[in-house]
PDB file of N, CA and C in Angstrom:
ATOM      1  N   UNK A   1     -23.841  23.269  17.847  1.00  0.00           N
ATOM      2  CA  UNK A   1     -24.388  22.426  17.048  1.00  0.00           C
ATOM      3  C   UNK A   1     -24.385  21.589  15.779  1.00  0.00           C
ATOM      4  N   UNK A   2     -23.924  22.493  14.758  1.00  0.00           N
ATOM      5  CA  UNK A   2     -23.672  22.281  13.575  1.00  0.00           C
ATOM      6  C   UNK A   2     -21.822  21.378  13.691  1.00  0.00           C
ATOM      7  N   UNK A   3     -21.327  21.846  14.874  1.00  0.00           N
ATOM      8  CA  UNK A   3     -19.829  21.556  14.938  1.00  0.00           C
ATOM      9  C   UNK A   3     -20.047  19.984  15.552  1.00  0.00           C
ATOM     10  N   UNK A   4     -20.812  19.732  16.235  1.00  0.00           N
ATOM     11  CA  UNK A   4     -20.681  18.428  16.902  1.00  0.00           C
ATOM     12  C   UNK A   4     -21.175  17.589  16.378  1.00  0.00           C
ATOM     13  N   UNK A   5     -22.442  18.050  15.276  1.00  0.00           N
ATOM     14  CA  UNK A   5     -22.792  17.007  14.289  1.00  0.00           C
ATOM     15  C   UNK A   5     -21.767  16.597  13.109  1.00  0.00           C
ATOM     16  N   UNK A   6     -21.006  17.676  12.804  1.00  0.00           N
ATOM     17  CA  UNK A   6     -19.689  17.329  12.046  1.00  0.00           C
ATOM     18  C   UNK A   6     -18.629  16.575  12.917  1.00  0.00           C
ATOM     19  N   UNK A   7     -17.967  16.744  13.778  1.00  0.00           N
ATOM     20  CA  UNK A   7     -17.231  15.879  14.801  1.00  0.00           C
ATOM     21  C   UNK A   7     -17.918  14.385  14.624  1.00  0.00           C
ATOM     22  N   UNK A   8     -19.077  14.084  15.131  1.00  0.00           N
ATOM     23  CA  UNK A   8     -19.441  12.825  15.152  1.00  0.00           C
ATOM     24  C   UNK A   8     -19.720  12.411  13.343  1.00  0.00           C
ATOM     25  N   UNK A   9     -19.950  13.054  12.392  1.00  0.00           N
ATOM     26  CA  UNK A   9     -19.639  12.387  11.261  1.00  0.00           C
ATOM     27  C   UNK A   9     -18.451  11.902  10.829  1.00  0.00           C
ATOM     28  N   UNK A  10     -17.511  12.873  11.248  1.00  0.00           N
ATOM     29  CA  UNK A  10     -16.197  12.540  11.237  1.00  0.00           C
ATOM     30  C   UNK A  10     -15.551  11.159  11.834  1.00  0.00           C
ATOM     31  N   UNK A  11     -15.630  11.232  13.065  1.00  0.00           N
ATOM     32  CA  UNK A  11     -15.622  10.135  13.795  1.00  0.00           C
ATOM     33  C   UNK A  11     -15.919   8.780  13.275  1.00  0.00           C
ATOM     34  N   UNK A  12     -17.443   8.688  13.112  1.00  0.00           N
ATOM     35  CA  UNK A  12     -17.924   7.739  12.161  1.00  0.00           C
ATOM     36  C   UNK A  12     -17.386   7.227  10.829  1.00  0.00           C
ATOM     37  N   UNK A  13     -17.060   8.137  10.464  1.00  0.00           N
ATOM     38  CA  UNK A  13     -16.695   8.004   8.813  1.00  0.00           C
ATOM     39  C   UNK A  13     -14.929   7.362   9.437  1.00  0.00           C
ATOM     40  N   UNK A  14     -13.931   7.722  10.401  1.00  0.00           N
ATOM     41  CA  UNK A  14     -12.944   7.286  10.626  1.00  0.00           C
ATOM     42  C   UNK A  14     -13.384   5.991  10.979  1.00  0.00           C
ATOM     43  N   UNK A  15     -13.951   5.761  11.656  1.00  0.00           N
ATOM     44  CA  UNK A  15     -14.339   4.169  12.113  1.00  0.00           C
ATOM     45  C   UNK A  15     -14.333   3.380  10.959  1.00  0.00           C
ATOM     46  N   UNK A  16     -15.388   3.929  10.065  1.00  0.00           N
ATOM     47  CA  UNK A  16     -15.929   3.281   8.948  1.00  0.00           C
ATOM     48  C   UNK A  16     -14.305   2.786   7.918  1.00  0.00           C
ATOM     49  N   UNK A  17     -13.511   3.922   7.964  1.00  0.00           N
ATOM     50  CA  UNK A  17     -12.388   3.281   7.105  1.00  0.00           C
ATOM     51  C   UNK A  17     -11.552   2.433   7.830  1.00  0.00           C
ATOM     52  N   UNK A  18     -11.595   2.249   9.225  1.00  0.00           N
ATOM     53  CA  UNK A  18     -10.357   1.502  10.004  1.00  0.00           C
ATOM     54  C   UNK A  18     -10.769   0.240   9.624  1.00  0.00           C
ATOM     55  N   UNK A  19     -12.207  -0.174   9.793  1.00  0.00           N
ATOM     56  CA  UNK A  19     -12.843  -1.695   9.798  1.00  0.00           C
ATOM     57  C   UNK A  19     -13.240  -2.111   8.625  1.00  0.00           C
ATOM     58  N   UNK A  20     -13.639  -1.172   7.589  1.00  0.00           N
ATOM     59  CA  UNK A  20     -14.514  -1.705   6.761  1.00  0.00           C
ATOM     60  C   UNK A  20     -13.738  -1.860   5.745  1.00  0.00           C
ATOM     61  N   UNK A  21     -12.886  -0.866   5.225  1.00  0.00           N
ATOM     62  CA  UNK A  21     -12.098  -0.794   3.919  1.00  0.00           C
ATOM     63  C   UNK A  21     -10.735  -1.611   4.237  1.00  0.00           C
ATOM     64  N   UNK A  22     -10.681  -2.201   5.297  1.00  0.00           N
ATOM     65  CA  UNK A  22      -9.145  -2.724   5.851  1.00  0.00           C
ATOM     66  C   UNK A  22      -9.415  -4.257   5.384  1.00  0.00           C
ATOM     67  N   UNK A  23     -10.994  -4.812   5.460  1.00  0.00           N
ATOM     68  CA  UNK A  23     -11.122  -5.936   4.766  1.00  0.00           C
ATOM     69  C   UNK A  23     -11.373  -6.341   3.474  1.00  0.00           C
ATOM     70  N   UNK A  24     -11.781  -5.141   2.888  1.00  0.00           N
ATOM     71  CA  UNK A  24     -11.607  -5.116   1.468  1.00  0.00           C
ATOM     72  C   UNK A  24     -10.081  -5.144   0.952  1.00  0.00           C
ATOM     73  N   UNK A  25      -9.304  -4.575   1.517  1.00  0.00           N
ATOM     74  CA  UNK A  25      -8.061  -4.710   0.962  1.00  0.00           C
ATOM     75  C   UNK A  25      -7.490  -6.306   1.171  1.00  0.00           C
ATOM     76  N   UNK A  26      -7.365  -6.720   2.269  1.00  0.00           N
ATOM     77  CA  UNK A  26      -7.545  -7.860   2.657  1.00  0.00           C
ATOM     78  C   UNK A  26      -7.508  -8.765   1.748  1.00  0.00           C
ATOM     79  N   UNK A  27      -9.161  -9.053   1.437  1.00  0.00           N
ATOM     80  CA  UNK A  27      -9.620  -9.606   0.343  1.00  0.00           C
ATOM     81  C   UNK A  27      -9.045  -9.456  -0.821  1.00  0.00           C
ATOM     82  N   UNK A  28      -8.673  -8.327  -1.710  1.00  0.00           N
ATOM     83  CA  UNK A  28      -7.907  -8.222  -2.998  1.00  0.00           C
ATOM     84  C   UNK A  28      -6.397  -9.084  -2.660  1.00  0.00           C
ATOM     85  N   UNK A  29      -5.786  -8.758  -1.325  1.00  0.00           N
ATOM     86  CA  UNK A  29      -4.481  -9.541  -1.187  1.00  0.00           C
ATOM     87  C   UNK A  29      -4.648 -10.889  -1.586  1.00  0.00           C
ATOM     88  N   UNK A  30      -5.517 -11.494  -1.029  1.00  0.00           N
ATOM     89  CA  UNK A  30      -5.765 -12.901  -1.260  1.00  0.00           C
ATOM     90  C   UNK A  30      -5.847 -13.583  -2.668  1.00  0.00           C
ATOM     91  N   UNK A  31      -6.830 -12.065  -2.916  1.00  0.00           N
ATOM     92  CA  UNK A  31      -7.167 -13.007  -4.539  1.00  0.00           C
ATOM     93  C   UNK A  31      -5.673 -12.744  -5.154  1.00  0.00           C
ATOM     94  N   UNK A  32      -5.207 -11.558  -4.998  1.00  0.00           N
ATOM     95  CA  UNK A  32      -4.016 -11.809  -5.794  1.00  0.00           C
ATOM     96  C   UNK A  32      -2.702 -12.886  -5.793  1.00  0.00           C
ATOM     97  N   UNK A  33      -2.767 -12.988  -4.359  1.00  0.00           N
ATOM     98  CA  UNK A  33      -1.861 -14.653  -3.816  1.00  0.00           C
ATOM     99  C   UNK A  33      -2.610 -15.610  -4.960  1.00  0.00           C
ATOM    100  N   UNK A  34      -3.596 -15.898  -4.823  1.00  0.00           N
ATOM    101  CA  UNK A  34      -4.248 -16.967  -5.812  1.00  0.00           C
ATOM    102  C   UNK A  34      -3.909 -16.802  -7.029  1.00  0.00           C
ATOM    103  N   UNK A  35      -4.088 -15.807  -7.642  1.00  0.00           N
ATOM    104  CA  UNK A  35      -4.032 -15.522  -9.294  1.00  0.00           C
ATOM    105  C   UNK A  35      -1.931 -15.843  -9.323  1.00  0.00           C
ATOM    106  N   UNK A  36      -1.225 -15.243  -8.534  1.00  0.00           N
ATOM    107  CA  UNK A  36      -0.076 -15.474  -8.728  1.00  0.00           C
ATOM    108  C   UNK A  36       0.419 -17.072  -8.763  1.00  0.00           C
ATOM    109  N   UNK A  37       0.095 -17.746  -7.520  1.00  0.00           N
ATOM    110  CA  UNK A  37       0.046 -19.030  -7.580  1.00  0.00           C
ATOM    111  C   UNK A  37      -0.470 -19.762  -9.094  1.00  0.00           C
ATOM    112  N   UNK A  38      -1.610 -19.255  -9.189  1.00  0.00           N
ATOM    113  CA  UNK A  38      -1.898 -19.857 -10.595  1.00  0.00           C
ATOM    114  C   UNK A  38      -0.932 -19.557 -12.188  1.00  0.00           C
ATOM    115  N   UNK A  39      -0.390 -18.290 -11.912  1.00  0.00           N
ATOM    116  CA  UNK A  39       0.422 -17.899 -13.077  1.00  0.00           C
ATOM    117  C   UNK A  39       1.919 -18.752 -13.088  1.00  0.00           C
ATOM    118  N   UNK A  40       2.087 -19.411 -11.832  1.00  0.00           N
ATOM    119  CA  UNK A  40       3.372 -20.204 -11.668  1.00  0.00           C
ATOM    120  C   UNK A  40       3.064 -21.022 -12.277  1.00  0.00           C
ATOM    121  N   UNK A  41       2.376 -21.917 -12.163  1.00  0.00           N
ATOM    122  CA  UNK A  41       2.105 -23.420 -13.177  1.00  0.00           C
ATOM    123  C   UNK A  41       2.295 -22.941 -14.227  1.00  0.00           C
ATOM    124  N   UNK A  42       3.382 -23.674 -14.994  1.00  0.00           N
ATOM    125  CA  UNK A  42       3.392 -23.678 -16.177  1.00  0.00           C
ATOM    126  C   UNK A  42       3.033 -24.953 -16.980  1.00  0.00           C
ATOM    127  N   UNK A  43       2.674 -24.342 -18.353  1.00  0.00           N
ATOM    128  CA  UNK A  43       2.459 -25.958 -19.096  1.00  0.00           C
ATOM    129  C   UNK A  43       3.601 -26.435 -19.502  1.00  0.00           C
ATOM    130  N   UNK A  44       3.420 -28.062 -19.537  1.00  0.00           N
ATOM    131  CA  UNK A  44       4.050 -28.910 -19.866  1.00  0.00           C
ATOM    132  C   UNK A  44       4.230 -29.314 -21.659  1.00  0.00           C
ATOM    133  N   UNK A  45       5.587 -29.441 -21.871  1.00  0.00           N
ATOM    134  CA  UNK A  45       5.644 -29.639 -23.433  1.00  0.00           C
ATOM    135  C   UNK A  45       6.757 -30.477 -23.459  1.00  0.00           C
ATOM    136  N   UNK A  46       6.315 -31.376 -24.451  1.00  0.00           N
ATOM    137  CA  UNK A  46       7.228 -32.350 -24.856  1.00  0.00           C
ATOM    138  C   UNK A  46       8.426 -32.166 -25.644  1.00  0.00           C
ATOM    139  N   UNK A  47       9.575 -32.678 -25.087  1.00  0.00           N
ATOM    140  CA  UNK A  47      10.806 -32.392 -26.345  1.00  0.00           C
ATOM    141  C   UNK A  47      10.866 -33.228 -27.442  1.00  0.00           C
ATOM    142  N   UNK A  48      11.124 -32.399 -28.353  1.00  0.00           N
ATOM    143  CA  UNK A  48      10.674 -32.860 -29.793  1.00  0.00           C
ATOM    144  C   UNK A  48      12.140 -34.105 -30.307  1.00  0.00           C
ATOM    145  N   UNK A  49      13.275 -34.011 -29.032  1.00  0.00           N
ATOM    146  CA  UNK A  49      13.844 -35.531 -29.743  1.00  0.00           C
ATOM    147  C   UNK A  49      13.577 -36.563 -28.487  1.00  0.00           C
ATOM    148  N   UNK A  50      13.731 -36.326 -27.114  1.00  0.00           N
ATOM    149  CA  UNK A  50      13.522 -37.212 -26.515  1.00  0.00           C
ATOM    150  C   UNK A  50      12.396 -37.887 -25.868  1.00  0.00           C
ATOM    151  N   UNK A  51      11.436 -36.801 -26.002  1.00  0.00           N
ATOM    152  CA  UNK A  51       9.687 -37.478 -25.171  1.00  0.00           C
ATOM    153  C   UNK A  51       9.551 -36.680 -24.170  1.00  0.00           C
ATOM    154  N   UNK A  52      10.750 -36.242 -23.224  1.00  0.00           N
ATOM    155  CA  UNK A  52      10.399 -35.850 -22.037  1.00  0.00           C
ATOM    156  C   UNK A  52       9.874 -34.798 -21.992  1.00  0.00           C
ATOM    157  N   UNK A  53       8.983 -34.473 -20.937  1.00  0.00           N
ATOM    158  CA  UNK A  53       7.949 -33.428 -20.720  1.00  0.00           C
ATOM    159  C   UNK A  53       8.561 -32.292 -19.603  1.00  0.00           C
ATOM    160  N   UNK A  54       8.834 -31.334 -20.383  1.00  0.00           N
ATOM    161  CA  UNK A  54       9.406 -29.844 -19.485  1.00  0.00           C
ATOM    162  C   UNK A  54       8.849 -28.831 -19.478  1.00  0.00           C
ATOM    163  N   UNK A  55       8.926 -27.835 -18.677  1.00  0.00           N
ATOM    164  CA  UNK A  55       8.262 -26.656 -18.782  1.00  0.00           C
ATOM    165  C   UNK A  55       8.303 -25.852 -19.642  1.00  0.00           C
ATOM    166  N   UNK A  56       7.310 -24.892 -20.139  1.00  0.00           N
ATOM    167  CA  UNK A  56       7.730 -24.099 -21.124  1.00  0.00           C
ATOM    168  C   UNK A  56       8.727 -23.119 -20.837  1.00  0.00           C
ATOM    169  N   UNK A  57       8.717 -23.089 -19.854  1.00  0.00           N
ATOM    170  CA  UNK A  57       9.605 -21.700 -19.314  1.00  0.00           C
ATOM    171  C   UNK A  57      11.240 -22.066 -19.075  1.00  0.00           C
ATOM    172  N   UNK A  58      11.148 -23.419 -19.271  1.00  0.00           N
ATOM    173  CA  UNK A  58      12.528 -24.156 -19.233  1.00  0.00           C
ATOM    174  C   UNK A  58      13.049 -24.913 -20.317  1.00  0.00           C
ATOM    175  N   UNK A  59      11.956 -24.845 -21.410  1.00  0.00           N
ATOM    176  CA  UNK A  59      12.499 -25.563 -22.692  1.00  0.00           C
ATOM    177  C   UNK A  59      13.321 -24.770 -23.575  1.00  0.00           C
ATOM    178  N   UNK A  60      14.112 -25.314 -24.316  1.00  0.00           N
ATOM    179  CA  UNK A  60      14.528 -24.519 -25.597  1.00  0.00           C
ATOM    180  C   UNK A  60      13.871 -24.445 -26.890  1.00  0.00           C
ATOM    181  N   UNK A  61      13.476 -23.355 -27.429  1.00  0.00           N
ATOM    182  CA  UNK A  61      12.741 -23.495 -28.614  1.00  0.00           C
ATOM    183  C   UNK A  61      13.703 -22.999 -30.044  1.00  0.00           C
ATOM    184  N   UNK A  62      13.705 -23.915 -30.562  1.00  0.00           N
ATOM    185  CA  UNK A  62      14.875 -23.876 -31.722  1.00  0.00           C
ATOM    186  C   UNK A  62      13.517 -24.537 -33.250  1.00  0.00           C
ATOM    187  N   UNK A  63      13.867 -23.709 -34.271  1.00  0.00           N
ATOM    188  CA  UNK A  63      12.907 -23.993 -35.374  1.00  0.00           C
ATOM    189  C   UNK A  63      11.531 -24.503 -35.156  1.00  0.00           C
ATOM    190  N   UNK A  64      10.931 -23.796 -34.321  1.00  0.00           N
ATOM    191  CA  UNK A  64       9.580 -23.717 -33.950  1.00  0.00           C
ATOM    192  C   UNK A  64       9.318 -25.442 -33.430  1.00  0.00           C
ATOM    193  N   UNK A  65      10.461 -26.019 -32.682  1.00  0.00           N
ATOM    194  CA  UNK A  65      10.264 -27.191 -31.717  1.00  0.00           C
ATOM    195  C   UNK A  65      10.884 -26.816 -30.345  1.00  0.00           C
ATOM    196  N   UNK A  66      10.561 -27.570 -29.136  1.00  0.00           N
ATOM    197  CA  UNK A  66      10.778 -27.260 -27.798  1.00  0.00           C
ATOM    198  C   UNK A  66      11.803 -28.496 -27.746  1.00  0.00           C
ATOM    199  N   UNK A  67      13.182 -28.279 -26.920  1.00  0.00           N
ATOM    200  CA  UNK A  67      13.725 -29.249 -26.555  1.00  0.00           C
ATOM    201  C   UNK A  67      14.280 -29.291 -25.123  1.00  0.00           C
ATOM    202  N   UNK A  68      14.227 -30.123 -24.157  1.00  0.00           N
ATOM    203  CA  UNK A  68      14.412 -30.341 -22.829  1.00  0.00           C
ATOM    204  C   UNK A  68      16.145 -29.488 -22.311  1.00  0.00           C
ATOM    205  N   UNK A  69      16.895 -29.704 -23.653  1.00  0.00           N
ATOM    206  CA  UNK A  69      18.429 -29.481 -23.116  1.00  0.00           C
ATOM    207  C   UNK A  69      19.173 -29.292 -24.559  1.00  0.00           C
ATOM    208  N   UNK A  70      20.281 -28.687 -24.127  1.00  0.00           N
ATOM    209  CA  UNK A  70      20.872 -28.234 -25.187  1.00  0.00           C
ATOM    210  C   UNK A  70      21.694 -29.798 -25.705  1.00  0.00           C
ATOM    211  N   UNK A  71      21.751 -30.922 -25.125  1.00  0.00           N
ATOM    212  CA  UNK A  71      22.404 -32.276 -26.142  1.00  0.00           C
ATOM    213  C   UNK A  71      21.179 -32.544 -26.767  1.00  0.00           C
ATOM    214  N   UNK A  72      19.899 -32.520 -26.614  1.00  0.00           N
ATOM    215  CA  UNK A  72      18.550 -32.842 -27.358  1.00  0.00           C
ATOM    216  C   UNK A  72      18.765 -32.086 -28.755  1.00  0.00           C
ATOM    217  N   UNK A  73      18.625 -30.922 -28.507  1.00  0.00           N
ATOM    218  CA  UNK A  73      18.600 -30.016 -29.400  1.00  0.00           C
ATOM    219  C   UNK A  73      20.332 -30.127 -30.015  1.00  0.00           C
ATOM    220  N   UNK A  74      21.534 -30.346 -29.991  1.00  0.00           N
ATOM    221  CA  UNK A  74      22.526 -30.656 -30.650  1.00  0.00           C
ATOM    222  C   UNK A  74      22.486 -32.061 -31.219  1.00  0.00           C
ATOM    223  N   UNK A  75      21.709 -33.196 -30.860  1.00  0.00           N
ATOM    224  CA  UNK A  75      21.405 -34.407 -31.505  1.00  0.00           C
ATOM    225  C   UNK A  75      20.485 -34.387 -32.477  1.00  0.00           C
ATOM    226  N   UNK A  76      19.603 -33.265 -32.443  1.00  0.00           N
ATOM    227  CA  UNK A  76      18.498 -33.395 -33.232  1.00  0.00           C
ATOM    228  C   UNK A  76      19.024 -32.579 -34.555  1.00  0.00           C
ATOM    229  N   UNK A  77      19.938 -31.959 -34.578  1.00  0.00           N
ATOM    230  CA  UNK A  77      20.643 -31.114 -35.841  1.00  0.00           C
ATOM    231  C   UNK A  77      21.289 -31.937 -36.454  1.00  0.00           C
TER     232      UNK A  77
END
């Protein structure tokens, strides 16, 4: 009798893990994808020489000023 009860409980637990725990994992994956896309958007900054806006990740930082390219950096000096 106890063996049957343990077997039924184990089957119910396995079914719970298969169906309900996977949904939580899928929701977490969707949330991380949204966070990744938000992180990919970079802030735009104005070039200190010509005024063109570039992403901070692509800008050149020199003497606490951002420049859009090497030419603007050389002309500013």
